[in-house]
Amino acid sequence: MADQDRPSPMEVLRQARAQLAELTGMTAESVSSFEQTEDGWSLEVEVLELERVPDTMSLMASYQVQLDPQGQLTGYRRVRRYERGRADAHRPGGR
């Protein structure tokens, strides 16, 4: 496949967030990890799972998302769940 057929990184990010939100029905808030792999793309997406008041008590989750070289989602899984206001001291780099 020629490089010009491959979507740009920003297109991949947008597609990943939109596809994950459509599949899960949850808001994809940010991408905390992003890399190109031999099989396509791998991302870690932060998702709002349960909105609470105050906002710092809302439940968030990190999803590992796999996409093919064209940016189509091929799989995802939740890798952790946490309260929005909690720092994660056990995973360097925010992952």
PDB file of N, CA and C in Angstrom:
ATOM      1  N   MET A   1       0.841  -1.176   0.000  1.00  0.00           N
ATOM      2  CA  MET A   1       0.000   0.000   0.000  1.00  0.00           C
ATOM      3  C   MET A   1       0.889   1.242   0.000  1.00  0.00           C
ATOM      4  N   ALA A   2       0.552   2.207  -0.789  1.00  0.00           N
ATOM      5  CA  ALA A   2       1.313   3.449  -0.866  1.00  0.00           C
ATOM      6  C   ALA A   2       0.989   4.336   0.321  1.00  0.00           C
ATOM      7  N   ASP A   3       1.994   5.134   0.742  1.00  0.00           N
ATOM      8  CA  ASP A   3       1.782   6.012   1.887  1.00  0.00           C
ATOM      9  C   ASP A   3       0.657   7.004   1.661  1.00  0.00           C
ATOM     10  N   GLN A   4       0.424   7.441   0.412  1.00  0.00           N
ATOM     11  CA  GLN A   4      -0.620   8.428   0.168  1.00  0.00           C
ATOM     12  C   GLN A   4      -2.011   7.842   0.414  1.00  0.00           C
ATOM     13  N   ASP A   5      -2.146   6.506   0.413  1.00  0.00           N
ATOM     14  CA  ASP A   5      -3.430   5.872   0.702  1.00  0.00           C
ATOM     15  C   ASP A   5      -3.709   5.798   2.196  1.00  0.00           C
ATOM     16  N   ARG A   6      -2.690   6.027   2.977  1.00  0.00           N
ATOM     17  CA  ARG A   6      -2.813   5.938   4.429  1.00  0.00           C
ATOM     18  C   ARG A   6      -3.346   7.262   4.983  1.00  0.00           C
ATOM     19  N   PRO A   7      -4.311   7.222   5.901  1.00  0.00           N
ATOM     20  CA  PRO A   7      -4.818   8.471   6.472  1.00  0.00           C
ATOM     21  C   PRO A   7      -3.756   9.150   7.335  1.00  0.00           C
ATOM     22  N   SER A   8      -3.901  10.456   7.513  1.00  0.00           N
ATOM     23  CA  SER A   8      -2.970  11.198   8.368  1.00  0.00           C
ATOM     24  C   SER A   8      -3.218  10.816   9.829  1.00  0.00           C
ATOM     25  N   PRO A   9      -2.244  11.043  10.702  1.00  0.00           N
ATOM     26  CA  PRO A   9      -2.454  10.752  12.132  1.00  0.00           C
ATOM     27  C   PRO A   9      -3.678  11.463  12.709  1.00  0.00           C
ATOM     28  N   MET A  10      -3.918  12.706  12.323  1.00  0.00           N
ATOM     29  CA  MET A  10      -5.097  13.418  12.853  1.00  0.00           C
ATOM     30  C   MET A  10      -6.397  12.772  12.376  1.00  0.00           C
ATOM     31  N   GLU A  11      -6.429  12.289  11.142  1.00  0.00           N
ATOM     32  CA  GLU A  11      -7.620  11.593  10.643  1.00  0.00           C
ATOM     33  C   GLU A  11      -7.842  10.300  11.424  1.00  0.00           C
ATOM     34  N   VAL A  12      -6.758   9.600  11.727  1.00  0.00           N
ATOM     35  CA  VAL A  12      -6.855   8.357  12.499  1.00  0.00           C
ATOM     36  C   VAL A  12      -7.407   8.650  13.894  1.00  0.00           C
ATOM     37  N   LEU A  13      -6.894   9.695  14.539  1.00  0.00           N
ATOM     38  CA  LEU A  13      -7.377  10.061  15.880  1.00  0.00           C
ATOM     39  C   LEU A  13      -8.868  10.375  15.857  1.00  0.00           C
ATOM     40  N   ARG A  14      -9.297  11.172  14.896  1.00  0.00           N
ATOM     41  CA  ARG A  14     -10.720  11.528  14.799  1.00  0.00           C
ATOM     42  C   ARG A  14     -11.586  10.296  14.558  1.00  0.00           C
ATOM     43  N   GLN A  15     -11.138   9.434  13.636  1.00  0.00           N
ATOM     44  CA  GLN A  15     -11.893   8.220  13.325  1.00  0.00           C
ATOM     45  C   GLN A  15     -11.980   7.300  14.530  1.00  0.00           C
ATOM     46  N   ALA A  16     -10.881   7.144  15.244  1.00  0.00           N
ATOM     47  CA  ALA A  16     -10.861   6.251  16.409  1.00  0.00           C
ATOM     48  C   ALA A  16     -11.834   6.729  17.477  1.00  0.00           C
ATOM     49  N   ARG A  17     -11.798   8.026  17.787  1.00  0.00           N
ATOM     50  CA  ARG A  17     -12.711   8.565  18.803  1.00  0.00           C
ATOM     51  C   ARG A  17     -14.157   8.407  18.383  1.00  0.00           C
ATOM     52  N   ALA A  18     -14.456   8.721  17.129  1.00  0.00           N
ATOM     53  CA  ALA A  18     -15.832   8.633  16.642  1.00  0.00           C
ATOM     54  C   ALA A  18     -16.328   7.190  16.625  1.00  0.00           C
ATOM     55  N   GLN A  19     -15.493   6.259  16.158  1.00  0.00           N
ATOM     56  CA  GLN A  19     -15.907   4.859  16.085  1.00  0.00           C
ATOM     57  C   GLN A  19     -16.097   4.257  17.472  1.00  0.00           C
ATOM     58  N   LEU A  20     -15.202   4.569  18.413  1.00  0.00           N
ATOM     59  CA  LEU A  20     -15.338   4.047  19.768  1.00  0.00           C
ATOM     60  C   LEU A  20     -16.597   4.600  20.428  1.00  0.00           C
ATOM     61  N   ALA A  21     -16.858   5.891  20.258  1.00  0.00           N
ATOM     62  CA  ALA A  21     -18.062   6.502  20.830  1.00  0.00           C
ATOM     63  C   ALA A  21     -19.319   5.867  20.246  1.00  0.00           C
ATOM     64  N   GLU A  22     -19.321   5.606  18.953  1.00  0.00           N
ATOM     65  CA  GLU A  22     -20.482   4.989  18.311  1.00  0.00           C
ATOM     66  C   GLU A  22     -20.722   3.574  18.818  1.00  0.00           C
ATOM     67  N   LEU A  23     -19.652   2.810  18.991  1.00  0.00           N
ATOM     68  CA  LEU A  23     -19.782   1.423  19.451  1.00  0.00           C
ATOM     69  C   LEU A  23     -20.174   1.317  20.919  1.00  0.00           C
ATOM     70  N   THR A  24     -19.623   2.185  21.759  1.00  0.00           N
ATOM     71  CA  THR A  24     -19.854   2.076  23.205  1.00  0.00           C
ATOM     72  C   THR A  24     -20.989   2.971  23.701  1.00  0.00           C
ATOM     73  N   GLY A  25     -21.319   4.018  22.954  1.00  0.00           N
ATOM     74  CA  GLY A  25     -22.322   4.975  23.411  1.00  0.00           C
ATOM     75  C   GLY A  25     -21.784   5.923  24.465  1.00  0.00           C
ATOM     76  N   MET A  26     -20.459   5.936  24.645  1.00  0.00           N
ATOM     77  CA  MET A  26     -19.829   6.794  25.647  1.00  0.00           C
ATOM     78  C   MET A  26     -18.958   7.842  24.964  1.00  0.00           C
ATOM     79  N   THR A  27     -18.747   8.959  25.655  1.00  0.00           N
ATOM     80  CA  THR A  27     -17.970  10.055  25.107  1.00  0.00           C
ATOM     81  C   THR A  27     -16.477   9.769  25.197  1.00  0.00           C
ATOM     82  N   ALA A  28     -15.809   9.790  24.055  1.00  0.00           N
ATOM     83  CA  ALA A  28     -14.353   9.655  24.021  1.00  0.00           C
ATOM     84  C   ALA A  28     -13.776  11.051  24.229  1.00  0.00           C
ATOM     85  N   GLU A  29     -13.160  11.275  25.400  1.00  0.00           N
ATOM     86  CA  GLU A  29     -12.712  12.615  25.754  1.00  0.00           C
ATOM     87  C   GLU A  29     -11.330  12.982  25.235  1.00  0.00           C
ATOM     88  N   SER A  30     -10.403  12.042  25.273  1.00  0.00           N
ATOM     89  CA  SER A  30      -9.044  12.364  24.839  1.00  0.00           C
ATOM     90  C   SER A  30      -8.304  11.092  24.462  1.00  0.00           C
ATOM     91  N   VAL A  31      -7.183  11.281  23.772  1.00  0.00           N
ATOM     92  CA  VAL A  31      -6.304  10.181  23.415  1.00  0.00           C
ATOM     93  C   VAL A  31      -5.023  10.359  24.210  1.00  0.00           C
ATOM     94  N   SER A  32      -4.694   9.372  25.057  1.00  0.00           N
ATOM     95  CA  SER A  32      -3.515   9.505  25.923  1.00  0.00           C
ATOM     96  C   SER A  32      -2.305   8.751  25.384  1.00  0.00           C
ATOM     97  N   SER A  33      -2.514   7.918  24.368  1.00  0.00           N
ATOM     98  CA  SER A  33      -1.417   7.171  23.772  1.00  0.00           C
ATOM     99  C   SER A  33      -1.770   6.903  22.322  1.00  0.00           C
ATOM    100  N   PHE A  34      -0.761   7.014  21.433  1.00  0.00           N
ATOM    101  CA  PHE A  34      -1.009   6.873  20.000  1.00  0.00           C
ATOM    102  C   PHE A  34       0.263   6.408  19.318  1.00  0.00           C
ATOM    103  N   GLU A  35       0.188   5.300  18.567  1.00  0.00           N
ATOM    104  CA  GLU A  35       1.374   4.856  17.841  1.00  0.00           C
ATOM    105  C   GLU A  35       0.986   4.063  16.604  1.00  0.00           C
ATOM    106  N   GLN A  36       1.839   4.136  15.602  1.00  0.00           N
ATOM    107  CA  GLN A  36       1.676   3.357  14.394  1.00  0.00           C
ATOM    108  C   GLN A  36       2.333   2.004  14.637  1.00  0.00           C
ATOM    109  N   THR A  37       1.657   0.939  14.236  1.00  0.00           N
ATOM    110  CA  THR A  37       2.176  -0.411  14.429  1.00  0.00           C
ATOM    111  C   THR A  37       2.314  -1.099  13.069  1.00  0.00           C
ATOM    112  N   GLU A  38       2.842  -2.313  13.074  1.00  0.00           N
ATOM    113  CA  GLU A  38       2.943  -3.087  11.831  1.00  0.00           C
ATOM    114  C   GLU A  38       1.569  -3.377  11.239  1.00  0.00           C
ATOM    115  N   ASP A  39       0.558  -3.516  12.117  1.00  0.00           N
ATOM    116  CA  ASP A  39      -0.793  -3.879  11.678  1.00  0.00           C
ATOM    117  C   ASP A  39      -1.716  -2.682  11.494  1.00  0.00           C
ATOM    118  N   GLY A  40      -1.248  -1.471  11.775  1.00  0.00           N
ATOM    119  CA  GLY A  40      -2.102  -0.291  11.656  1.00  0.00           C
ATOM    120  C   GLY A  40      -1.774   0.737  12.712  1.00  0.00           C
ATOM    121  N   TRP A  41      -2.677   0.892  13.667  1.00  0.00           N
ATOM    122  CA  TRP A  41      -2.529   1.907  14.711  1.00  0.00           C
ATOM    123  C   TRP A  41      -2.990   1.346  16.048  1.00  0.00           C
ATOM    124  N   SER A  42      -2.387   1.847  17.130  1.00  0.00           N
ATOM    125  CA  SER A  42      -2.779   1.473  18.482  1.00  0.00           C
ATOM    126  C   SER A  42      -2.933   2.756  19.296  1.00  0.00           C
ATOM    127  N   LEU A  43      -4.070   2.890  19.963  1.00  0.00           N
ATOM    128  CA  LEU A  43      -4.348   4.086  20.747  1.00  0.00           C
ATOM    129  C   LEU A  43      -4.868   3.697  22.120  1.00  0.00           C
ATOM    130  N   GLU A  44      -4.688   4.589  23.078  1.00  0.00           N
ATOM    131  CA  GLU A  44      -5.360   4.474  24.362  1.00  0.00           C
ATOM    132  C   GLU A  44      -6.244   5.708  24.477  1.00  0.00           C
ATOM    133  N   VAL A  45      -7.540   5.481  24.616  1.00  0.00           N
ATOM    134  CA  VAL A  45      -8.525   6.555  24.605  1.00  0.00           C
ATOM    135  C   VAL A  45      -9.179   6.646  25.980  1.00  0.00           C
ATOM    136  N   GLU A  46      -9.261   7.871  26.498  1.00  0.00           N
ATOM    137  CA  GLU A  46      -9.920   8.116  27.787  1.00  0.00           C
ATOM    138  C   GLU A  46     -11.398   8.407  27.530  1.00  0.00           C
ATOM    139  N   VAL A  47     -12.258   7.669  28.235  1.00  0.00           N
ATOM    140  CA  VAL A  47     -13.700   7.718  28.009  1.00  0.00           C
ATOM    141  C   VAL A  47     -14.416   8.056  29.308  1.00  0.00           C
ATOM    142  N   LEU A  48     -15.452   8.895  29.218  1.00  0.00           N
ATOM    143  CA  LEU A  48     -16.320   9.181  30.352  1.00  0.00           C
ATOM    144  C   LEU A  48     -17.342   8.056  30.442  1.00  0.00           C
ATOM    145  N   GLU A  49     -17.237   7.218  31.486  1.00  0.00           N
ATOM    146  CA  GLU A  49     -18.159   6.086  31.637  1.00  0.00           C
ATOM    147  C   GLU A  49     -19.382   6.428  32.463  1.00  0.00           C
ATOM    148  N   LEU A  50     -19.207   7.249  33.497  1.00  0.00           N
ATOM    149  CA  LEU A  50     -20.330   7.594  34.364  1.00  0.00           C
ATOM    150  C   LEU A  50     -20.135   9.005  34.885  1.00  0.00           C
ATOM    151  N   GLU A  51     -21.020   9.908  34.481  1.00  0.00           N
ATOM    152  CA  GLU A  51     -20.919  11.301  34.900  1.00  0.00           C
ATOM    153  C   GLU A  51     -21.517  11.466  36.292  1.00  0.00           C
ATOM    154  N   ARG A  52     -20.764  12.139  37.170  1.00  0.00           N
ATOM    155  CA  ARG A  52     -21.212  12.389  38.540  1.00  0.00           C
ATOM    156  C   ARG A  52     -20.999  13.846  38.900  1.00  0.00           C
ATOM    157  N   VAL A  53     -21.651  14.257  39.981  1.00  0.00           N
ATOM    158  CA  VAL A  53     -21.464  15.607  40.523  1.00  0.00           C
ATOM    159  C   VAL A  53     -20.869  15.432  41.910  1.00  0.00           C
ATOM    160  N   PRO A  54     -19.735  16.075  42.209  1.00  0.00           N
ATOM    161  CA  PRO A  54     -18.975  16.955  41.326  1.00  0.00           C
ATOM    162  C   PRO A  54     -18.256  16.161  40.239  1.00  0.00           C
ATOM    163  N   ASP A  55     -17.835  16.890  39.213  1.00  0.00           N
ATOM    164  CA  ASP A  55     -17.207  16.279  38.042  1.00  0.00           C
ATOM    165  C   ASP A  55     -15.973  15.451  38.398  1.00  0.00           C
ATOM    166  N   THR A  56     -15.275  15.832  39.459  1.00  0.00           N
ATOM    167  CA  THR A  56     -14.065  15.101  39.847  1.00  0.00           C
ATOM    168  C   THR A  56     -14.376  13.679  40.327  1.00  0.00           C
ATOM    169  N   MET A  57     -15.639  13.379  40.591  1.00  0.00           N
ATOM    170  CA  MET A  57     -16.040  12.032  41.009  1.00  0.00           C
ATOM    171  C   MET A  57     -16.547  11.183  39.844  1.00  0.00           C
ATOM    172  N   SER A  58     -16.585  11.744  38.641  1.00  0.00           N
ATOM    173  CA  SER A  58     -17.031  10.998  37.469  1.00  0.00           C
ATOM    174  C   SER A  58     -16.107   9.806  37.227  1.00  0.00           C
ATOM    175  N   LEU A  59     -16.675   8.708  36.736  1.00  0.00           N
ATOM    176  CA  LEU A  59     -15.876   7.524  36.428  1.00  0.00           C
ATOM    177  C   LEU A  59     -15.377   7.592  34.997  1.00  0.00           C
ATOM    178  N   MET A  60     -14.072   7.452  34.860  1.00  0.00           N
ATOM    179  CA  MET A  60     -13.393   7.463  33.563  1.00  0.00           C
ATOM    180  C   MET A  60     -12.852   6.064  33.301  1.00  0.00           C
ATOM    181  N   ALA A  61     -12.527   5.798  32.050  1.00  0.00           N
ATOM    182  CA  ALA A  61     -11.903   4.522  31.691  1.00  0.00           C
ATOM    183  C   ALA A  61     -10.930   4.746  30.550  1.00  0.00           C
ATOM    184  N   SER A  62      -9.887   3.937  30.539  1.00  0.00           N
ATOM    185  CA  SER A  62      -8.941   3.923  29.427  1.00  0.00           C
ATOM    186  C   SER A  62      -9.239   2.700  28.582  1.00  0.00           C
ATOM    187  N   TYR A  63      -9.392   2.922  27.283  1.00  0.00           N
ATOM    188  CA  TYR A  63      -9.632   1.836  26.343  1.00  0.00           C
ATOM    189  C   TYR A  63      -8.455   1.713  25.401  1.00  0.00           C
ATOM    190  N   GLN A  64      -7.954   0.495  25.228  1.00  0.00           N
ATOM    191  CA  GLN A  64      -6.933   0.196  24.226  1.00  0.00           C
ATOM    192  C   GLN A  64      -7.684  -0.054  22.927  1.00  0.00           C
ATOM    193  N   VAL A  65      -7.366   0.712  21.890  1.00  0.00           N
ATOM    194  CA  VAL A  65      -8.082   0.645  20.622  1.00  0.00           C
ATOM    195  C   VAL A  65      -7.099   0.273  19.513  1.00  0.00           C
ATOM    196  N   GLN A  66      -7.467  -0.704  18.705  1.00  0.00           N
ATOM    197  CA  GLN A  66      -6.652  -1.134  17.568  1.00  0.00           C
ATOM    198  C   GLN A  66      -7.377  -0.757  16.276  1.00  0.00           C
ATOM    199  N   LEU A  67      -6.623  -0.189  15.333  1.00  0.00           N
ATOM    200  CA  LEU A  67      -7.173   0.178  14.042  1.00  0.00           C
ATOM    201  C   LEU A  67      -6.310  -0.407  12.934  1.00  0.00           C
ATOM    202  N   ASP A  68      -6.945  -0.677  11.786  1.00  0.00           N
ATOM    203  CA  ASP A  68      -6.187  -1.167  10.638  1.00  0.00           C
ATOM    204  C   ASP A  68      -5.459   0.009   9.981  1.00  0.00           C
ATOM    205  N   PRO A  69      -4.629  -0.232   8.951  1.00  0.00           N
ATOM    206  CA  PRO A  69      -3.862   0.856   8.336  1.00  0.00           C
ATOM    207  C   PRO A  69      -4.717   1.990   7.769  1.00  0.00           C
ATOM    208  N   GLN A  70      -5.989   1.710   7.426  1.00  0.00           N
ATOM    209  CA  GLN A  70      -6.874   2.745   6.898  1.00  0.00           C
ATOM    210  C   GLN A  70      -7.615   3.505   7.995  1.00  0.00           C
ATOM    211  N   GLY A  71      -7.405   3.120   9.253  1.00  0.00           N
ATOM    212  CA  GLY A  71      -8.043   3.815  10.366  1.00  0.00           C
ATOM    213  C   GLY A  71      -9.380   3.246  10.797  1.00  0.00           C
ATOM    214  N   GLN A  72      -9.707   2.030  10.336  1.00  0.00           N
ATOM    215  CA  GLN A  72     -10.960   1.390  10.744  1.00  0.00           C
ATOM    216  C   GLN A  72     -10.725   0.573  12.010  1.00  0.00           C
ATOM    217  N   LEU A  73     -11.602   0.755  12.997  1.00  0.00           N
ATOM    218  CA  LEU A  73     -11.458   0.076  14.271  1.00  0.00           C
ATOM    219  C   LEU A  73     -11.585  -1.436  14.085  1.00  0.00           C
ATOM    220  N   THR A  74     -10.621  -2.171  14.608  1.00  0.00           N
ATOM    221  CA  THR A  74     -10.645  -3.629  14.516  1.00  0.00           C
ATOM    222  C   THR A  74     -10.836  -4.294  15.866  1.00  0.00           C
ATOM    223  N   GLY A  75     -10.664  -3.531  16.953  1.00  0.00           N
ATOM    224  CA  GLY A  75     -10.869  -4.089  18.283  1.00  0.00           C
ATOM    225  C   GLY A  75     -10.627  -3.049  19.360  1.00  0.00           C
ATOM    226  N   TYR A  76     -11.227  -3.282  20.521  1.00  0.00           N
ATOM    227  CA  TYR A  76     -10.990  -2.412  21.669  1.00  0.00           C
ATOM    228  C   TYR A  76     -11.246  -3.192  22.948  1.00  0.00           C
ATOM    229  N   ARG A  77     -10.623  -2.721  24.040  1.00  0.00           N
ATOM    230  CA  ARG A  77     -10.889  -3.320  25.351  1.00  0.00           C
ATOM    231  C   ARG A  77     -10.588  -2.290  26.428  1.00  0.00           C
ATOM    232  N   ARG A  78     -11.341  -2.362  27.509  1.00  0.00           N
ATOM    233  CA  ARG A  78     -11.095  -1.459  28.639  1.00  0.00           C
ATOM    234  C   ARG A  78      -9.911  -1.993  29.414  1.00  0.00           C
ATOM    235  N   VAL A  79      -8.923  -1.120  29.684  1.00  0.00           N
ATOM    236  CA  VAL A  79      -7.730  -1.549  30.400  1.00  0.00           C
ATOM    237  C   VAL A  79      -7.673  -1.020  31.827  1.00  0.00           C
ATOM    238  N   ARG A  80      -8.444   0.017  32.132  1.00  0.00           N
ATOM    239  CA  ARG A  80      -8.525   0.467  33.517  1.00  0.00           C
ATOM    240  C   ARG A  80      -9.706   1.411  33.689  1.00  0.00           C
ATOM    241  N   ARG A  81     -10.101   1.572  34.943  1.00  0.00           N
ATOM    242  CA  ARG A  81     -11.212   2.447  35.317  1.00  0.00           C
ATOM    243  C   ARG A  81     -10.763   3.267  36.516  1.00  0.00           C
ATOM    244  N   TYR A  82     -11.160   4.548  36.568  1.00  0.00           N
ATOM    245  CA  TYR A  82     -10.696   5.416  37.639  1.00  0.00           C
ATOM    246  C   TYR A  82     -11.621   6.614  37.799  1.00  0.00           C
ATOM    247  N   GLU A  83     -11.547   7.267  38.970  1.00  0.00           N
ATOM    248  CA  GLU A  83     -12.283   8.514  39.180  1.00  0.00           C
ATOM    249  C   GLU A  83     -11.498   9.643  38.541  1.00  0.00           C
ATOM    250  N   ARG A  84     -12.193  10.569  37.910  1.00  0.00           N
ATOM    251  CA  ARG A  84     -11.542  11.650  37.178  1.00  0.00           C
ATOM    252  C   ARG A  84     -10.555  12.422  38.051  1.00  0.00           C
ATOM    253  N   GLY A  85     -10.859  12.651  39.289  1.00  0.00           N
ATOM    254  CA  GLY A  85     -10.018  13.464  40.158  1.00  0.00           C
ATOM    255  C   GLY A  85      -8.837  12.741  40.777  1.00  0.00           C
ATOM    256  N   ARG A  86      -8.638  11.466  40.473  1.00  0.00           N
ATOM    257  CA  ARG A  86      -7.551  10.691  41.084  1.00  0.00           C
ATOM    258  C   ARG A  86      -6.332  10.633  40.184  1.00  0.00           C
ATOM    259  N   ALA A  87      -5.172  10.907  40.776  1.00  0.00           N
ATOM    260  CA  ALA A  87      -3.914  10.750  40.050  1.00  0.00           C
ATOM    261  C   ALA A  87      -3.542   9.277  40.036  1.00  0.00           C
ATOM    262  N   ASP A  88      -2.921   8.837  38.973  1.00  0.00           N
ATOM    263  CA  ASP A  88      -2.519   7.440  38.849  1.00  0.00           C
ATOM    264  C   ASP A  88      -1.016   7.346  39.079  1.00  0.00           C
ATOM    265  N   ALA A  89      -0.606   7.032  40.305  1.00  0.00           N
ATOM    266  CA  ALA A  89       0.803   6.991  40.669  1.00  0.00           C
ATOM    267  C   ALA A  89       1.503   5.727  40.183  1.00  0.00           C
ATOM    268  N   HIS A  90       0.746   4.724  39.770  1.00  0.00           N
ATOM    269  CA  HIS A  90       1.333   3.427  39.432  1.00  0.00           C
ATOM    270  C   HIS A  90       1.705   3.274  37.963  1.00  0.00           C
ATOM    271  N   ARG A  91       1.305   4.187  37.114  1.00  0.00           N
ATOM    272  CA  ARG A  91       1.570   4.042  35.689  1.00  0.00           C
ATOM    273  C   ARG A  91       2.282   5.282  35.171  1.00  0.00           C
ATOM    274  N   PRO A  92       3.579   5.228  34.971  1.00  0.00           N
ATOM    275  CA  PRO A  92       4.329   6.387  34.496  1.00  0.00           C
ATOM    276  C   PRO A  92       3.823   6.857  33.145  1.00  0.00           C
ATOM    277  N   GLY A  93       3.887   8.163  32.939  1.00  0.00           N
ATOM    278  CA  GLY A  93       3.482   8.732  31.674  1.00  0.00           C
ATOM    279  C   GLY A  93       1.981   8.822  31.505  1.00  0.00           C
ATOM    280  N   GLY A  94       1.221   8.607  32.588  1.00  0.00           N
ATOM    281  CA  GLY A  94      -0.224   8.717  32.509  1.00  0.00           C
ATOM    282  C   GLY A  94      -0.912   7.505  31.906  1.00  0.00           C
ATOM    283  N   ARG A  95      -0.154   6.457  31.582  1.00  0.00           N
ATOM    284  CA  ARG A  95      -0.760   5.274  30.967  1.00  0.00           C
ATOM    285  C   ARG A  95      -1.050   4.223  32.002  1.00  0.00           C
TER     286      ARG A  95
END
